[in-house]
Amino acid sequence: MSDGVGTFRMVPEEEQELRAQLEQLTTKDHGPVFGPCSQLPRHTLQKAKDELNEKEETREE
């Protein structure tokens, strides 16, 4: 087998939509940085999940 072979997983449609939103976000799309938040936006939760699952070698510097 070649070194470039990896495993893939199916990405749910909902996750694909959230990733598409993340790519288009700018700093103006976010509310206040500090203070209480009754509910986090779905795309923010997806971003947090992505960062938790990130491997050290793939993390952007």
C-alpha atoms as a PDB file:
ATOM      1  CA  MET A   1       0.000   0.000   0.000  1.00  0.00           C
ATOM      2  CA  SER A   2       1.120   3.546  -0.581  1.00  0.00           C
ATOM      3  CA  ASP A   3       1.866   6.002   2.205  1.00  0.00           C
ATOM      4  CA  GLY A   4      -1.028   8.259   1.167  1.00  0.00           C
ATOM      5  CA  VAL A   5      -3.771   5.737   1.939  1.00  0.00           C
ATOM      6  CA  GLY A   6      -6.154   6.756   4.728  1.00  0.00           C
ATOM      7  CA  THR A   7      -9.598   6.140   6.040  1.00  0.00           C
ATOM      8  CA  PHE A   8     -12.659   8.194   5.269  1.00  0.00           C
ATOM      9  CA  ARG A   9     -15.946   8.651   7.039  1.00  0.00           C
ATOM     10  CA  MET A  10     -19.334   9.740   5.802  1.00  0.00           C
ATOM     11  CA  VAL A  11     -20.111  13.317   6.811  1.00  0.00           C
ATOM     12  CA  PRO A  12     -23.770  13.977   7.624  1.00  0.00           C
ATOM     13  CA  GLU A  13     -25.570  16.634   5.572  1.00  0.00           C
ATOM     14  CA  GLU A  14     -26.068  18.785   8.662  1.00  0.00           C
ATOM     15  CA  GLU A  15     -22.325  18.795   9.345  1.00  0.00           C
ATOM     16  CA  GLN A  16     -21.604  19.674   5.706  1.00  0.00           C
ATOM     17  CA  GLU A  17     -23.952  22.666   5.965  1.00  0.00           C
ATOM     18  CA  LEU A  18     -22.258  23.845   9.160  1.00  0.00           C
ATOM     19  CA  ARG A  19     -18.817  23.535   7.568  1.00  0.00           C
ATOM     20  CA  ALA A  20     -20.017  25.580   4.588  1.00  0.00           C
ATOM     21  CA  GLN A  21     -21.216  28.286   7.003  1.00  0.00           C
ATOM     22  CA  LEU A  22     -17.868  28.264   8.806  1.00  0.00           C
ATOM     23  CA  GLU A  23     -15.987  28.897   5.569  1.00  0.00           C
ATOM     24  CA  GLN A  24     -18.043  32.034   4.894  1.00  0.00           C
ATOM     25  CA  LEU A  25     -17.946  33.573   8.385  1.00  0.00           C
ATOM     26  CA  THR A  26     -16.163  36.808   9.105  1.00  0.00           C
ATOM     27  CA  THR A  27     -15.481  38.564  12.399  1.00  0.00           C
ATOM     28  CA  LYS A  28     -18.590  40.694  11.821  1.00  0.00           C
ATOM     29  CA  ASP A  29     -20.770  37.560  11.985  1.00  0.00           C
ATOM     30  CA  HIS A  30     -19.999  37.024  15.655  1.00  0.00           C
ATOM     31  CA  GLY A  31     -21.624  38.703  18.623  1.00  0.00           C
ATOM     32  CA  PRO A  32     -19.832  39.993  21.686  1.00  0.00           C
ATOM     33  CA  VAL A  33     -16.724  38.071  22.640  1.00  0.00           C
ATOM     34  CA  PHE A  34     -17.281  38.343  26.393  1.00  0.00           C
ATOM     35  CA  GLY A  35     -20.383  37.843  28.475  1.00  0.00           C
ATOM     36  CA  PRO A  36     -23.034  35.202  29.012  1.00  0.00           C
ATOM     37  CA  CYS A  37     -24.546  33.406  26.066  1.00  0.00           C
ATOM     38  CA  SER A  38     -27.843  31.567  26.435  1.00  0.00           C
ATOM     39  CA  GLN A  39     -27.152  29.271  23.488  1.00  0.00           C
ATOM     40  CA  LEU A  40     -24.108  28.924  21.255  1.00  0.00           C
ATOM     41  CA  PRO A  41     -24.718  28.982  17.490  1.00  0.00           C
ATOM     42  CA  ARG A  42     -24.580  25.565  15.806  1.00  0.00           C
ATOM     43  CA  HIS A  43     -21.597  26.533  13.647  1.00  0.00           C
ATOM     44  CA  THR A  44     -19.664  27.519  16.793  1.00  0.00           C
ATOM     45  CA  LEU A  45     -20.326  24.124  18.359  1.00  0.00           C
ATOM     46  CA  GLN A  46     -19.186  22.410  15.138  1.00  0.00           C
ATOM     47  CA  LYS A  47     -15.972  24.459  15.119  1.00  0.00           C
ATOM     48  CA  ALA A  48     -15.291  23.459  18.728  1.00  0.00           C
ATOM     49  CA  LYS A  49     -15.859  19.771  17.907  1.00  0.00           C
ATOM     50  CA  ASP A  50     -13.506  20.049  14.926  1.00  0.00           C
ATOM     51  CA  GLU A  51     -10.781  21.603  17.075  1.00  0.00           C
ATOM     52  CA  LEU A  52     -11.154  18.938  19.757  1.00  0.00           C
ATOM     53  CA  ASN A  53     -10.747  16.191  17.136  1.00  0.00           C
ATOM     54  CA  GLU A  54      -7.768  17.900  15.468  1.00  0.00           C
ATOM     55  CA  LYS A  55      -4.462  16.075  15.455  1.00  0.00           C
ATOM     56  CA  GLU A  56      -1.319  17.992  16.435  1.00  0.00           C
ATOM     57  CA  GLU A  57       0.298  17.569  12.997  1.00  0.00           C
ATOM     58  CA  THR A  58      -2.769  18.940  11.170  1.00  0.00           C
ATOM     59  CA  ARG A  59      -3.266  21.940  13.464  1.00  0.00           C
ATOM     60  CA  GLU A  60      -2.677  25.271  11.756  1.00  0.00           C
ATOM     61  CA  GLU A  61      -0.055  27.465  13.338  1.00  0.00           C
END
